[in-house]
Amino acid sequence: MRSYAIIGLGRFGQCMLETLVRKRLRVVVVDASEAKVQYARDLATGAVKADALNFEVLQEVLPDGLDGAIVDLGDEMERSILVTNYLHKLKVPQIIVEAVNPQHAEILEIVGATRIVYPEQEAAERLAGLLAGRGTLDYFAVTDAFSVVEIAVPRDWAGKTLAELDLRRTQRVNVVAQRKPAKTEEDERWELASPDYRFDRDDFVLVAGDAAHLQRIQQ
């Protein structure tokens, strides 16, 4: 089972804790606040009240073999920079850090962050993507110019194969995967797209492309 550490339980850290636990992953929380640690103990695999700015303490409380760490120390930029550097020294392979601004993000990358997040901005972009496209169920912006969306199969795709539709040439989008309807998220079974797969009317697909072309296929 994959395991992660969350250093700091701000709003982003709490959301990540709840989401990772729902995914049945092991999560260890480190925070200096007793109240936040008590909250985390009801959810996490482990929760420790500790000062993450102490390298020796952090080294002691974090389990070996972590797959990644999430750092959410709010707007305390210096603290998040130091903790990110400590995690890098501890050879944590994936270090995800909430940034306050681009300057903060640049320093975080220098000291070892593997991914920088701006939770409120990313949430807004995600919501904008949902609002911009009819029938969009989920949306992920890879860059400003390239996204992946989950949509219900367009009516004119039903009964046809990917080879017959030739979407890369005709619509300039790529179908990545498809799935049948599911009652719960846990029941979803995605299959990688095959040129011979014939779409049913109730299928769902993951489609990649730029915003304009993705919006066009949803109209």
N, C-alpha and C. Protein backbone atom coordinates (compact mmCIF):
# COMPACT_ATOMS: atom_id res chain seq x y z
N MET A 1 0.84 -1.20 0.00
CA MET A 1 0.00 0.00 0.00
C MET A 1 0.88 1.25 0.00
N ARG A 2 0.53 2.21 -0.84
CA ARG A 2 1.32 3.44 -0.93
C ARG A 2 1.12 4.27 0.33
N SER A 3 2.17 4.99 0.70
CA SER A 3 2.11 5.77 1.94
C SER A 3 2.61 7.19 1.72
N TYR A 4 1.97 8.13 2.41
CA TYR A 4 2.29 9.55 2.26
C TYR A 4 2.34 10.22 3.63
N ALA A 5 3.07 11.31 3.67
CA ALA A 5 3.10 12.16 4.86
C ALA A 5 2.50 13.50 4.50
N ILE A 6 1.77 14.07 5.44
CA ILE A 6 1.25 15.42 5.27
C ILE A 6 1.85 16.27 6.38
N ILE A 7 2.61 17.28 5.96
CA ILE A 7 3.27 18.17 6.92
C ILE A 7 2.48 19.48 6.95
N GLY A 8 1.72 19.66 8.00
CA GLY A 8 0.89 20.86 8.12
C GLY A 8 -0.53 20.61 7.65
N LEU A 9 -1.48 20.87 8.54
CA LEU A 9 -2.88 20.62 8.21
C LEU A 9 -3.64 21.93 8.03
N GLY A 10 -3.25 22.67 6.98
CA GLY A 10 -4.08 23.79 6.57
C GLY A 10 -5.27 23.26 5.79
N ARG A 11 -5.99 24.13 5.08
CA ARG A 11 -7.16 23.67 4.33
C ARG A 11 -6.78 22.66 3.26
N PHE A 12 -5.68 22.93 2.57
CA PHE A 12 -5.22 22.02 1.53
C PHE A 12 -4.79 20.69 2.14
N GLY A 13 -4.04 20.75 3.23
CA GLY A 13 -3.59 19.52 3.89
C GLY A 13 -4.74 18.68 4.38
N GLN A 14 -5.77 19.31 4.94
CA GLN A 14 -6.95 18.57 5.41
C GLN A 14 -7.68 17.90 4.25
N CYS A 15 -7.82 18.63 3.15
CA CYS A 15 -8.48 18.05 1.97
C CYS A 15 -7.69 16.86 1.44
N MET A 16 -6.37 16.99 1.41
CA MET A 16 -5.54 15.89 0.94
C MET A 16 -5.64 14.69 1.87
N LEU A 17 -5.66 14.94 3.18
CA LEU A 17 -5.81 13.85 4.15
C LEU A 17 -7.10 13.09 3.90
N GLU A 18 -8.20 13.80 3.81
CA GLU A 18 -9.50 13.15 3.62
C GLU A 18 -9.55 12.39 2.30
N THR A 19 -8.96 12.97 1.25
CA THR A 19 -8.99 12.32 -0.06
C THR A 19 -8.11 11.08 -0.09
N LEU A 20 -6.90 11.16 0.47
CA LEU A 20 -6.00 10.01 0.47
C LEU A 20 -6.56 8.86 1.30
N VAL A 21 -7.20 9.21 2.42
CA VAL A 21 -7.80 8.17 3.25
C VAL A 21 -8.94 7.48 2.50
N ARG A 22 -9.75 8.26 1.76
CA ARG A 22 -10.82 7.65 0.97
C ARG A 22 -10.26 6.71 -0.09
N LYS A 23 -9.05 7.00 -0.56
CA LYS A 23 -8.40 6.14 -1.55
C LYS A 23 -7.70 4.94 -0.90
N ARG A 24 -7.85 4.83 0.43
CA ARG A 24 -7.29 3.72 1.20
C ARG A 24 -5.75 3.70 1.16
N LEU A 25 -5.15 4.86 1.22
CA LEU A 25 -3.69 4.97 1.29
C LEU A 25 -3.27 5.23 2.73
N ARG A 26 -2.05 4.86 3.05
CA ARG A 26 -1.52 5.13 4.39
C ARG A 26 -1.09 6.59 4.46
N VAL A 27 -1.48 7.26 5.53
CA VAL A 27 -1.15 8.68 5.68
C VAL A 27 -0.67 8.95 7.10
N VAL A 28 0.48 9.61 7.19
CA VAL A 28 1.01 10.06 8.48
C VAL A 28 0.99 11.59 8.47
N VAL A 29 0.44 12.17 9.52
CA VAL A 29 0.31 13.63 9.62
C VAL A 29 1.27 14.16 10.67
N VAL A 30 1.94 15.26 10.34
CA VAL A 30 2.82 15.94 11.30
C VAL A 30 2.37 17.39 11.37
N ASP A 31 2.04 17.85 12.58
CA ASP A 31 1.62 19.24 12.76
C ASP A 31 1.98 19.65 14.19
N ALA A 32 2.24 20.95 14.37
CA ALA A 32 2.59 21.46 15.70
C ALA A 32 1.37 21.76 16.55
N SER A 33 0.18 21.70 15.96
CA SER A 33 -1.05 22.02 16.69
C SER A 33 -1.67 20.75 17.26
N GLU A 34 -1.89 20.74 18.56
CA GLU A 34 -2.52 19.60 19.21
C GLU A 34 -3.93 19.37 18.67
N ALA A 35 -4.68 20.45 18.44
CA ALA A 35 -6.05 20.32 17.95
C ALA A 35 -6.07 19.65 16.57
N LYS A 36 -5.16 20.05 15.69
CA LYS A 36 -5.13 19.46 14.35
C LYS A 36 -4.67 18.02 14.38
N VAL A 37 -3.75 17.71 15.28
CA VAL A 37 -3.29 16.33 15.41
C VAL A 37 -4.42 15.45 15.93
N GLN A 38 -5.20 15.96 16.87
CA GLN A 38 -6.33 15.19 17.38
C GLN A 38 -7.35 14.93 16.27
N TYR A 39 -7.59 15.94 15.44
CA TYR A 39 -8.50 15.75 14.30
C TYR A 39 -7.95 14.67 13.36
N ALA A 40 -6.65 14.72 13.09
CA ALA A 40 -6.06 13.78 12.13
C ALA A 40 -6.06 12.36 12.66
N ARG A 41 -5.99 12.18 13.97
CA ARG A 41 -5.90 10.83 14.54
C ARG A 41 -7.14 9.99 14.23
N ASP A 42 -8.26 10.64 13.99
CA ASP A 42 -9.48 9.89 13.66
C ASP A 42 -9.48 9.39 12.22
N LEU A 43 -8.56 9.91 11.40
CA LEU A 43 -8.54 9.57 9.98
C LEU A 43 -7.25 8.89 9.54
N ALA A 44 -6.13 9.44 9.97
CA ALA A 44 -4.83 9.03 9.45
C ALA A 44 -4.33 7.73 10.06
N THR A 45 -3.36 7.11 9.37
CA THR A 45 -2.68 5.95 9.91
C THR A 45 -1.92 6.31 11.17
N GLY A 46 -1.35 7.52 11.17
CA GLY A 46 -0.64 8.03 12.33
C GLY A 46 -0.65 9.54 12.32
N ALA A 47 -0.62 10.15 13.48
CA ALA A 47 -0.59 11.61 13.58
C ALA A 47 0.34 11.98 14.74
N VAL A 48 1.28 12.89 14.45
CA VAL A 48 2.32 13.23 15.43
C VAL A 48 2.35 14.74 15.63
N LYS A 49 2.33 15.15 16.89
CA LYS A 49 2.53 16.56 17.22
C LYS A 49 4.02 16.81 17.30
N ALA A 50 4.54 17.56 16.34
CA ALA A 50 5.99 17.77 16.27
C ALA A 50 6.29 19.04 15.49
N ASP A 51 7.48 19.57 15.74
CA ASP A 51 7.96 20.75 15.01
C ASP A 51 8.71 20.27 13.78
N ALA A 52 8.11 20.44 12.61
CA ALA A 52 8.72 19.96 11.38
C ALA A 52 9.97 20.75 11.00
N LEU A 53 10.22 21.87 11.68
CA LEU A 53 11.42 22.65 11.38
C LEU A 53 12.68 22.04 11.98
N ASN A 54 12.50 21.03 12.82
CA ASN A 54 13.63 20.31 13.41
C ASN A 54 13.92 19.08 12.55
N PHE A 55 15.04 19.10 11.85
CA PHE A 55 15.35 18.03 10.91
C PHE A 55 15.42 16.67 11.60
N GLU A 56 16.07 16.61 12.76
CA GLU A 56 16.22 15.34 13.46
C GLU A 56 14.85 14.78 13.88
N VAL A 57 13.97 15.67 14.35
CA VAL A 57 12.63 15.24 14.75
C VAL A 57 11.86 14.73 13.54
N LEU A 58 11.93 15.46 12.44
CA LEU A 58 11.22 15.04 11.22
C LEU A 58 11.73 13.69 10.74
N GLN A 59 13.03 13.52 10.78
CA GLN A 59 13.64 12.26 10.36
C GLN A 59 13.16 11.10 11.25
N GLU A 60 12.95 11.40 12.51
CA GLU A 60 12.53 10.36 13.46
C GLU A 60 11.07 9.97 13.29
N VAL A 61 10.20 10.95 13.05
CA VAL A 61 8.76 10.66 13.05
C VAL A 61 8.26 10.15 11.70
N LEU A 62 8.97 10.45 10.63
CA LEU A 62 8.50 9.99 9.31
C LEU A 62 8.90 8.55 9.08
N PRO A 63 7.97 7.72 8.63
CA PRO A 63 8.30 6.31 8.37
C PRO A 63 9.20 6.17 7.14
N ASP A 64 9.93 5.08 7.09
CA ASP A 64 10.76 4.79 5.92
C ASP A 64 9.87 4.39 4.74
N GLY A 65 10.40 4.62 3.55
CA GLY A 65 9.72 4.15 2.35
C GLY A 65 8.51 4.96 1.93
N LEU A 66 8.46 6.23 2.32
CA LEU A 66 7.34 7.08 1.88
C LEU A 66 7.33 7.20 0.36
N ASP A 67 6.13 7.18 -0.21
CA ASP A 67 5.99 7.43 -1.64
C ASP A 67 5.95 8.92 -1.95
N GLY A 68 5.60 9.72 -0.96
CA GLY A 68 5.54 11.16 -1.19
C GLY A 68 5.14 11.90 0.06
N ALA A 69 5.24 13.22 -0.02
CA ALA A 69 4.85 14.08 1.10
C ALA A 69 4.15 15.32 0.56
N ILE A 70 3.18 15.79 1.32
CA ILE A 70 2.45 17.01 0.99
C ILE A 70 2.75 18.04 2.07
N VAL A 71 3.15 19.23 1.66
CA VAL A 71 3.51 20.28 2.61
C VAL A 71 2.50 21.41 2.51
N ASP A 72 1.82 21.68 3.62
CA ASP A 72 0.86 22.79 3.67
C ASP A 72 1.09 23.55 4.97
N LEU A 73 1.91 24.57 4.88
CA LEU A 73 2.21 25.40 6.04
C LEU A 73 1.65 26.80 5.86
N GLY A 74 0.57 26.88 5.10
CA GLY A 74 -0.11 28.16 4.91
C GLY A 74 0.78 29.17 4.21
N ASP A 75 0.75 30.41 4.70
CA ASP A 75 1.54 31.47 4.07
C ASP A 75 2.91 31.64 4.73
N GLU A 76 3.34 30.66 5.51
CA GLU A 76 4.67 30.72 6.15
C GLU A 76 5.71 30.21 5.16
N MET A 77 6.14 31.08 4.30
CA MET A 77 7.00 30.68 3.19
C MET A 77 8.33 30.11 3.65
N GLU A 78 8.98 30.76 4.63
CA GLU A 78 10.29 30.28 5.07
C GLU A 78 10.20 28.88 5.65
N ARG A 79 9.14 28.62 6.42
CA ARG A 79 8.96 27.30 7.02
C ARG A 79 8.75 26.24 5.94
N SER A 80 7.93 26.54 4.94
CA SER A 80 7.68 25.55 3.90
C SER A 80 8.93 25.29 3.07
N ILE A 81 9.75 26.30 2.87
CA ILE A 81 11.00 26.12 2.13
C ILE A 81 11.94 25.20 2.89
N LEU A 82 12.08 25.42 4.20
CA LEU A 82 12.96 24.59 5.02
C LEU A 82 12.47 23.15 5.06
N VAL A 83 11.17 22.96 5.29
CA VAL A 83 10.62 21.60 5.37
C VAL A 83 10.78 20.88 4.03
N THR A 84 10.57 21.58 2.94
CA THR A 84 10.75 20.98 1.61
C THR A 84 12.18 20.52 1.43
N ASN A 85 13.12 21.33 1.86
CA ASN A 85 14.53 20.98 1.76
C ASN A 85 14.86 19.76 2.63
N TYR A 86 14.27 19.69 3.82
CA TYR A 86 14.47 18.52 4.70
C TYR A 86 13.95 17.26 4.03
N LEU A 87 12.77 17.33 3.44
CA LEU A 87 12.19 16.16 2.78
C LEU A 87 13.06 15.72 1.60
N HIS A 88 13.63 16.69 0.90
CA HIS A 88 14.54 16.38 -0.20
C HIS A 88 15.78 15.66 0.32
N LYS A 89 16.30 16.12 1.44
CA LYS A 89 17.48 15.47 2.04
C LYS A 89 17.15 14.06 2.51
N LEU A 90 15.90 13.85 2.91
CA LEU A 90 15.47 12.52 3.34
C LEU A 90 15.11 11.61 2.17
N LYS A 91 15.32 12.15 0.95
CA LYS A 91 15.10 11.37 -0.28
C LYS A 91 13.64 10.93 -0.47
N VAL A 92 12.71 11.76 -0.04
CA VAL A 92 11.30 11.50 -0.33
C VAL A 92 11.10 11.73 -1.83
N PRO A 93 10.62 10.75 -2.58
CA PRO A 93 10.62 10.86 -4.05
C PRO A 93 9.65 11.89 -4.62
N GLN A 94 8.53 12.11 -3.96
CA GLN A 94 7.53 13.05 -4.47
C GLN A 94 7.20 14.05 -3.37
N ILE A 95 7.48 15.33 -3.64
CA ILE A 95 7.26 16.38 -2.63
C ILE A 95 6.34 17.43 -3.23
N ILE A 96 5.12 17.48 -2.74
CA ILE A 96 4.09 18.38 -3.26
C ILE A 96 3.90 19.50 -2.25
N VAL A 97 4.05 20.73 -2.71
CA VAL A 97 4.04 21.86 -1.78
C VAL A 97 3.09 22.94 -2.25
N GLU A 98 2.31 23.46 -1.31
CA GLU A 98 1.43 24.59 -1.61
C GLU A 98 2.27 25.86 -1.63
N ALA A 99 2.17 26.63 -2.72
CA ALA A 99 2.92 27.86 -2.87
C ALA A 99 2.02 29.08 -2.68
N VAL A 100 2.63 30.16 -2.21
CA VAL A 100 1.90 31.41 -1.99
C VAL A 100 1.91 32.27 -3.24
N ASN A 101 3.05 32.29 -3.94
CA ASN A 101 3.19 33.11 -5.14
C ASN A 101 4.29 32.51 -6.03
N PRO A 102 4.46 33.02 -7.25
CA PRO A 102 5.47 32.45 -8.15
C PRO A 102 6.89 32.51 -7.61
N GLN A 103 7.24 33.55 -6.87
CA GLN A 103 8.58 33.65 -6.30
C GLN A 103 8.81 32.54 -5.27
N HIS A 104 7.80 32.31 -4.45
CA HIS A 104 7.86 31.22 -3.48
C HIS A 104 8.01 29.89 -4.21
N ALA A 105 7.24 29.69 -5.27
CA ALA A 105 7.28 28.45 -6.04
C ALA A 105 8.67 28.21 -6.63
N GLU A 106 9.29 29.26 -7.12
CA GLU A 106 10.62 29.13 -7.72
C GLU A 106 11.64 28.62 -6.70
N ILE A 107 11.59 29.16 -5.49
CA ILE A 107 12.52 28.72 -4.44
C ILE A 107 12.21 27.29 -4.03
N LEU A 108 10.93 26.95 -3.93
CA LEU A 108 10.54 25.59 -3.56
C LEU A 108 11.10 24.57 -4.55
N GLU A 109 11.05 24.90 -5.82
CA GLU A 109 11.59 23.99 -6.83
C GLU A 109 13.09 23.83 -6.67
N ILE A 110 13.78 24.91 -6.34
CA ILE A 110 15.23 24.86 -6.16
C ILE A 110 15.62 23.94 -5.01
N VAL A 111 14.82 23.98 -3.92
CA VAL A 111 15.18 23.19 -2.73
C VAL A 111 14.62 21.78 -2.75
N GLY A 112 13.88 21.40 -3.80
CA GLY A 112 13.51 20.00 -3.92
C GLY A 112 12.07 19.66 -4.18
N ALA A 113 11.17 20.63 -4.24
CA ALA A 113 9.77 20.31 -4.53
C ALA A 113 9.64 19.71 -5.92
N THR A 114 8.85 18.63 -6.03
CA THR A 114 8.64 18.01 -7.34
C THR A 114 7.35 18.49 -7.99
N ARG A 115 6.44 19.05 -7.18
CA ARG A 115 5.23 19.65 -7.75
C ARG A 115 4.78 20.79 -6.86
N ILE A 116 4.45 21.90 -7.50
CA ILE A 116 3.93 23.09 -6.81
C ILE A 116 2.44 23.19 -7.08
N VAL A 117 1.66 23.49 -6.06
CA VAL A 117 0.22 23.63 -6.25
C VAL A 117 -0.25 24.98 -5.73
N TYR A 118 -1.26 25.50 -6.43
CA TYR A 118 -2.00 26.68 -5.99
C TYR A 118 -3.45 26.23 -5.88
N PRO A 119 -3.84 25.67 -4.74
CA PRO A 119 -5.15 25.00 -4.64
C PRO A 119 -6.33 25.84 -5.09
N GLU A 120 -6.41 27.09 -4.65
CA GLU A 120 -7.58 27.89 -5.01
C GLU A 120 -7.60 28.19 -6.51
N GLN A 121 -6.43 28.48 -7.08
CA GLN A 121 -6.36 28.75 -8.52
C GLN A 121 -6.72 27.50 -9.32
N GLU A 122 -6.20 26.34 -8.90
CA GLU A 122 -6.48 25.11 -9.63
C GLU A 122 -7.96 24.72 -9.51
N ALA A 123 -8.54 24.98 -8.34
CA ALA A 123 -9.96 24.70 -8.17
C ALA A 123 -10.79 25.59 -9.08
N ALA A 124 -10.39 26.85 -9.21
CA ALA A 124 -11.11 27.77 -10.08
C ALA A 124 -11.00 27.33 -11.54
N GLU A 125 -9.80 26.90 -11.96
CA GLU A 125 -9.61 26.45 -13.34
C GLU A 125 -10.44 25.19 -13.61
N ARG A 126 -10.51 24.32 -12.61
CA ARG A 126 -11.28 23.10 -12.76
C ARG A 126 -12.77 23.41 -12.91
N LEU A 127 -13.25 24.33 -12.06
CA LEU A 127 -14.66 24.72 -12.13
C LEU A 127 -14.96 25.42 -13.45
N ALA A 128 -14.03 26.27 -13.89
CA ALA A 128 -14.23 26.96 -15.17
C ALA A 128 -14.34 25.95 -16.30
N GLY A 129 -13.51 24.90 -16.23
CA GLY A 129 -13.60 23.87 -17.26
C GLY A 129 -14.93 23.15 -17.24
N LEU A 130 -15.45 22.90 -16.04
CA LEU A 130 -16.76 22.27 -15.93
C LEU A 130 -17.85 23.15 -16.50
N LEU A 131 -17.76 24.46 -16.23
CA LEU A 131 -18.78 25.38 -16.70
C LEU A 131 -18.69 25.62 -18.21
N ALA A 132 -17.46 25.51 -18.74
CA ALA A 132 -17.26 25.85 -20.15
C ALA A 132 -17.77 24.77 -21.09
N GLY A 133 -17.83 23.53 -20.63
CA GLY A 133 -18.21 22.46 -21.55
C GLY A 133 -19.45 21.74 -21.11
N ARG A 134 -20.43 21.61 -22.00
CA ARG A 134 -21.65 20.88 -21.68
C ARG A 134 -21.34 19.40 -21.54
N GLY A 135 -21.90 18.78 -20.52
CA GLY A 135 -21.74 17.35 -20.34
C GLY A 135 -20.41 16.94 -19.76
N THR A 136 -19.56 17.89 -19.38
CA THR A 136 -18.27 17.55 -18.81
C THR A 136 -18.46 17.05 -17.39
N LEU A 137 -17.92 15.88 -17.09
CA LEU A 137 -18.05 15.30 -15.76
C LEU A 137 -16.84 15.58 -14.90
N ASP A 138 -15.68 15.64 -15.50
CA ASP A 138 -14.46 15.92 -14.78
C ASP A 138 -13.49 16.61 -15.73
N TYR A 139 -12.55 17.35 -15.14
CA TYR A 139 -11.69 18.20 -15.96
C TYR A 139 -10.33 18.30 -15.30
N PHE A 140 -9.26 18.16 -16.10
CA PHE A 140 -7.91 18.31 -15.57
C PHE A 140 -7.08 19.09 -16.57
N ALA A 141 -6.58 20.24 -16.14
CA ALA A 141 -5.74 21.07 -17.01
C ALA A 141 -4.29 20.64 -16.87
N VAL A 142 -3.72 20.11 -17.94
CA VAL A 142 -2.31 19.73 -17.93
C VAL A 142 -1.45 20.98 -18.06
N THR A 143 -1.80 21.84 -19.02
CA THR A 143 -1.18 23.16 -19.18
C THR A 143 -2.31 24.12 -19.51
N ASP A 144 -1.97 25.39 -19.71
CA ASP A 144 -2.99 26.37 -20.10
C ASP A 144 -3.62 26.00 -21.44
N ALA A 145 -2.87 25.26 -22.27
CA ALA A 145 -3.35 24.99 -23.63
C ALA A 145 -3.80 23.55 -23.84
N PHE A 146 -3.65 22.69 -22.84
CA PHE A 146 -3.94 21.26 -23.05
C PHE A 146 -4.63 20.69 -21.83
N SER A 147 -5.75 19.99 -22.03
CA SER A 147 -6.54 19.46 -20.92
C SER A 147 -7.02 18.05 -21.22
N VAL A 148 -7.47 17.39 -20.17
CA VAL A 148 -8.13 16.09 -20.28
C VAL A 148 -9.49 16.22 -19.62
N VAL A 149 -10.55 15.77 -20.31
CA VAL A 149 -11.90 15.85 -19.75
C VAL A 149 -12.55 14.47 -19.79
N GLU A 150 -13.45 14.26 -18.84
CA GLU A 150 -14.31 13.08 -18.86
C GLU A 150 -15.69 13.52 -19.30
N ILE A 151 -16.19 12.89 -20.35
CA ILE A 151 -17.52 13.26 -20.86
C ILE A 151 -18.32 12.01 -21.19
N ALA A 152 -19.63 12.18 -21.26
CA ALA A 152 -20.48 11.12 -21.80
C ALA A 152 -20.24 11.06 -23.30
N VAL A 153 -20.32 9.87 -23.85
CA VAL A 153 -20.07 9.70 -25.29
C VAL A 153 -21.05 10.55 -26.10
N PRO A 154 -20.55 11.40 -27.00
CA PRO A 154 -21.46 12.17 -27.87
C PRO A 154 -22.37 11.24 -28.67
N ARG A 155 -23.57 11.68 -28.93
CA ARG A 155 -24.55 10.82 -29.58
C ARG A 155 -24.09 10.28 -30.93
N ASP A 156 -23.35 11.11 -31.67
CA ASP A 156 -22.95 10.66 -33.00
C ASP A 156 -21.75 9.71 -32.98
N TRP A 157 -21.20 9.42 -31.78
CA TRP A 157 -20.13 8.42 -31.67
C TRP A 157 -20.70 7.02 -31.45
N ALA A 158 -21.91 6.92 -30.92
CA ALA A 158 -22.49 5.63 -30.54
C ALA A 158 -22.56 4.69 -31.74
N GLY A 159 -22.14 3.45 -31.53
CA GLY A 159 -22.18 2.45 -32.58
C GLY A 159 -20.99 2.48 -33.51
N LYS A 160 -20.05 3.41 -33.28
CA LYS A 160 -18.87 3.52 -34.15
C LYS A 160 -17.60 3.20 -33.36
N THR A 161 -16.56 2.80 -34.08
CA THR A 161 -15.27 2.54 -33.45
C THR A 161 -14.40 3.80 -33.55
N LEU A 162 -13.33 3.80 -32.75
CA LEU A 162 -12.38 4.92 -32.83
C LEU A 162 -11.76 5.01 -34.23
N ALA A 163 -11.49 3.85 -34.80
CA ALA A 163 -10.91 3.85 -36.16
C ALA A 163 -11.87 4.50 -37.15
N GLU A 164 -13.15 4.21 -37.03
CA GLU A 164 -14.14 4.79 -37.93
C GLU A 164 -14.30 6.30 -37.70
N LEU A 165 -14.25 6.71 -36.45
CA LEU A 165 -14.42 8.13 -36.14
C LEU A 165 -13.21 8.97 -36.55
N ASP A 166 -12.00 8.36 -36.43
CA ASP A 166 -10.76 9.06 -36.82
C ASP A 166 -10.69 10.45 -36.18
N LEU A 167 -10.89 10.48 -34.86
CA LEU A 167 -11.03 11.76 -34.15
C LEU A 167 -9.77 12.60 -34.16
N ARG A 168 -8.62 11.97 -34.19
CA ARG A 168 -7.38 12.75 -34.20
C ARG A 168 -7.31 13.62 -35.45
N ARG A 169 -7.80 13.10 -36.56
CA ARG A 169 -7.75 13.87 -37.81
C ARG A 169 -8.95 14.80 -37.95
N THR A 170 -10.14 14.28 -37.61
CA THR A 170 -11.35 15.07 -37.87
C THR A 170 -11.66 16.10 -36.79
N GLN A 171 -11.33 15.77 -35.53
CA GLN A 171 -11.66 16.66 -34.42
C GLN A 171 -10.44 17.19 -33.67
N ARG A 172 -9.28 16.63 -33.99
CA ARG A 172 -8.01 17.02 -33.35
C ARG A 172 -8.04 16.80 -31.84
N VAL A 173 -8.65 15.68 -31.43
CA VAL A 173 -8.63 15.26 -30.03
C VAL A 173 -8.25 13.78 -30.00
N ASN A 174 -7.82 13.32 -28.83
CA ASN A 174 -7.47 11.92 -28.64
C ASN A 174 -8.31 11.32 -27.52
N VAL A 175 -8.90 10.16 -27.76
CA VAL A 175 -9.59 9.43 -26.71
C VAL A 175 -8.54 8.57 -25.98
N VAL A 176 -8.42 8.78 -24.67
CA VAL A 176 -7.42 8.09 -23.87
C VAL A 176 -7.96 6.77 -23.33
N ALA A 177 -9.21 6.78 -22.84
CA ALA A 177 -9.79 5.59 -22.22
C ALA A 177 -11.31 5.70 -22.25
N GLN A 178 -11.97 4.55 -21.99
CA GLN A 178 -13.43 4.55 -21.91
C GLN A 178 -13.85 3.64 -20.75
N ARG A 179 -15.09 3.87 -20.28
CA ARG A 179 -15.63 3.02 -19.21
C ARG A 179 -17.15 2.92 -19.36
N LYS A 180 -17.71 1.91 -18.71
CA LYS A 180 -19.15 1.73 -18.63
C LYS A 180 -19.67 2.50 -17.41
N PRO A 181 -20.97 2.74 -17.33
CA PRO A 181 -21.53 3.41 -16.15
C PRO A 181 -21.24 2.60 -14.89
N ALA A 182 -21.06 3.31 -13.75
CA ALA A 182 -20.80 2.66 -12.47
C ALA A 182 -21.62 3.34 -11.39
N LYS A 183 -22.03 2.58 -10.39
CA LYS A 183 -22.84 3.13 -9.31
C LYS A 183 -22.01 4.00 -8.36
N THR A 184 -20.74 3.62 -8.15
CA THR A 184 -19.86 4.38 -7.26
C THR A 184 -18.52 4.59 -7.93
N GLU A 185 -17.73 5.52 -7.38
CA GLU A 185 -16.40 5.80 -7.91
C GLU A 185 -15.52 4.56 -7.82
N GLU A 186 -15.69 3.76 -6.75
CA GLU A 186 -14.89 2.56 -6.57
C GLU A 186 -15.18 1.51 -7.64
N ASP A 187 -16.38 1.56 -8.20
CA ASP A 187 -16.78 0.57 -9.21
C ASP A 187 -16.35 0.94 -10.63
N GLU A 188 -15.81 2.15 -10.80
CA GLU A 188 -15.42 2.58 -12.15
C GLU A 188 -14.26 1.73 -12.68
N ARG A 189 -14.39 1.25 -13.89
CA ARG A 189 -13.35 0.44 -14.51
C ARG A 189 -12.98 1.04 -15.87
N TRP A 190 -11.87 1.74 -15.89
CA TRP A 190 -11.41 2.36 -17.13
C TRP A 190 -10.60 1.36 -17.95
N GLU A 191 -10.74 1.44 -19.26
CA GLU A 191 -9.95 0.64 -20.18
C GLU A 191 -9.27 1.57 -21.18
N LEU A 192 -8.01 1.31 -21.45
CA LEU A 192 -7.30 2.13 -22.43
C LEU A 192 -7.98 2.02 -23.79
N ALA A 193 -8.02 3.14 -24.48
CA ALA A 193 -8.73 3.20 -25.77
C ALA A 193 -8.09 2.26 -26.79
N SER A 194 -8.95 1.61 -27.55
CA SER A 194 -8.51 0.73 -28.63
C SER A 194 -9.21 1.17 -29.91
N PRO A 195 -8.51 1.15 -31.05
CA PRO A 195 -9.14 1.58 -32.30
C PRO A 195 -10.33 0.72 -32.71
N ASP A 196 -10.41 -0.51 -32.17
CA ASP A 196 -11.50 -1.42 -32.54
C ASP A 196 -12.67 -1.35 -31.57
N TYR A 197 -12.56 -0.56 -30.51
CA TYR A 197 -13.65 -0.50 -29.54
C TYR A 197 -14.85 0.24 -30.14
N ARG A 198 -16.04 -0.37 -30.02
CA ARG A 198 -17.25 0.24 -30.55
C ARG A 198 -18.04 0.86 -29.39
N PHE A 199 -18.27 2.16 -29.46
CA PHE A 199 -18.89 2.88 -28.35
C PHE A 199 -20.36 2.54 -28.20
N ASP A 200 -20.79 2.41 -26.92
CA ASP A 200 -22.20 2.33 -26.59
C ASP A 200 -22.70 3.71 -26.20
N ARG A 201 -23.99 3.91 -26.26
CA ARG A 201 -24.57 5.23 -25.98
C ARG A 201 -24.36 5.68 -24.54
N ASP A 202 -24.21 4.69 -23.62
CA ASP A 202 -24.07 5.06 -22.21
C ASP A 202 -22.62 5.06 -21.74
N ASP A 203 -21.65 4.95 -22.65
CA ASP A 203 -20.24 4.97 -22.27
C ASP A 203 -19.80 6.36 -21.82
N PHE A 204 -18.67 6.37 -21.09
CA PHE A 204 -17.98 7.61 -20.74
C PHE A 204 -16.56 7.51 -21.27
N VAL A 205 -15.99 8.65 -21.64
CA VAL A 205 -14.65 8.64 -22.23
C VAL A 205 -13.78 9.74 -21.61
N LEU A 206 -12.47 9.48 -21.58
CA LEU A 206 -11.49 10.51 -21.27
C LEU A 206 -10.92 10.99 -22.59
N VAL A 207 -11.02 12.30 -22.82
CA VAL A 207 -10.58 12.88 -24.10
C VAL A 207 -9.55 13.97 -23.82
N ALA A 208 -8.47 13.96 -24.59
CA ALA A 208 -7.40 14.94 -24.42
C ALA A 208 -7.31 15.84 -25.64
N GLY A 209 -7.00 17.11 -25.40
CA GLY A 209 -6.83 18.05 -26.50
C GLY A 209 -6.81 19.47 -25.97
N ASP A 210 -6.79 20.44 -26.88
CA ASP A 210 -6.83 21.83 -26.41
C ASP A 210 -8.28 22.24 -26.15
N ALA A 211 -8.44 23.34 -25.41
CA ALA A 211 -9.76 23.73 -24.92
C ALA A 211 -10.77 23.92 -26.04
N ALA A 212 -10.36 24.55 -27.14
CA ALA A 212 -11.30 24.85 -28.22
C ALA A 212 -11.84 23.58 -28.85
N HIS A 213 -10.95 22.60 -29.10
CA HIS A 213 -11.39 21.37 -29.74
C HIS A 213 -12.21 20.51 -28.77
N LEU A 214 -11.85 20.52 -27.50
CA LEU A 214 -12.63 19.77 -26.53
C LEU A 214 -14.04 20.35 -26.37
N GLN A 215 -14.12 21.66 -26.38
CA GLN A 215 -15.43 22.28 -26.26
C GLN A 215 -16.30 21.99 -27.49
N ARG A 216 -15.68 21.91 -28.65
CA ARG A 216 -16.42 21.69 -29.89
C ARG A 216 -17.11 20.33 -29.88
N ILE A 217 -16.43 19.29 -29.36
CA ILE A 217 -17.04 17.95 -29.42
C ILE A 217 -18.17 17.81 -28.39
N GLN A 218 -18.28 18.78 -27.45
CA GLN A 218 -19.33 18.70 -26.44
C GLN A 218 -20.57 19.52 -26.82
N GLN A 219 -20.52 20.20 -27.93
CA GLN A 219 -21.65 21.06 -28.33
C GLN A 219 -22.72 20.26 -29.05
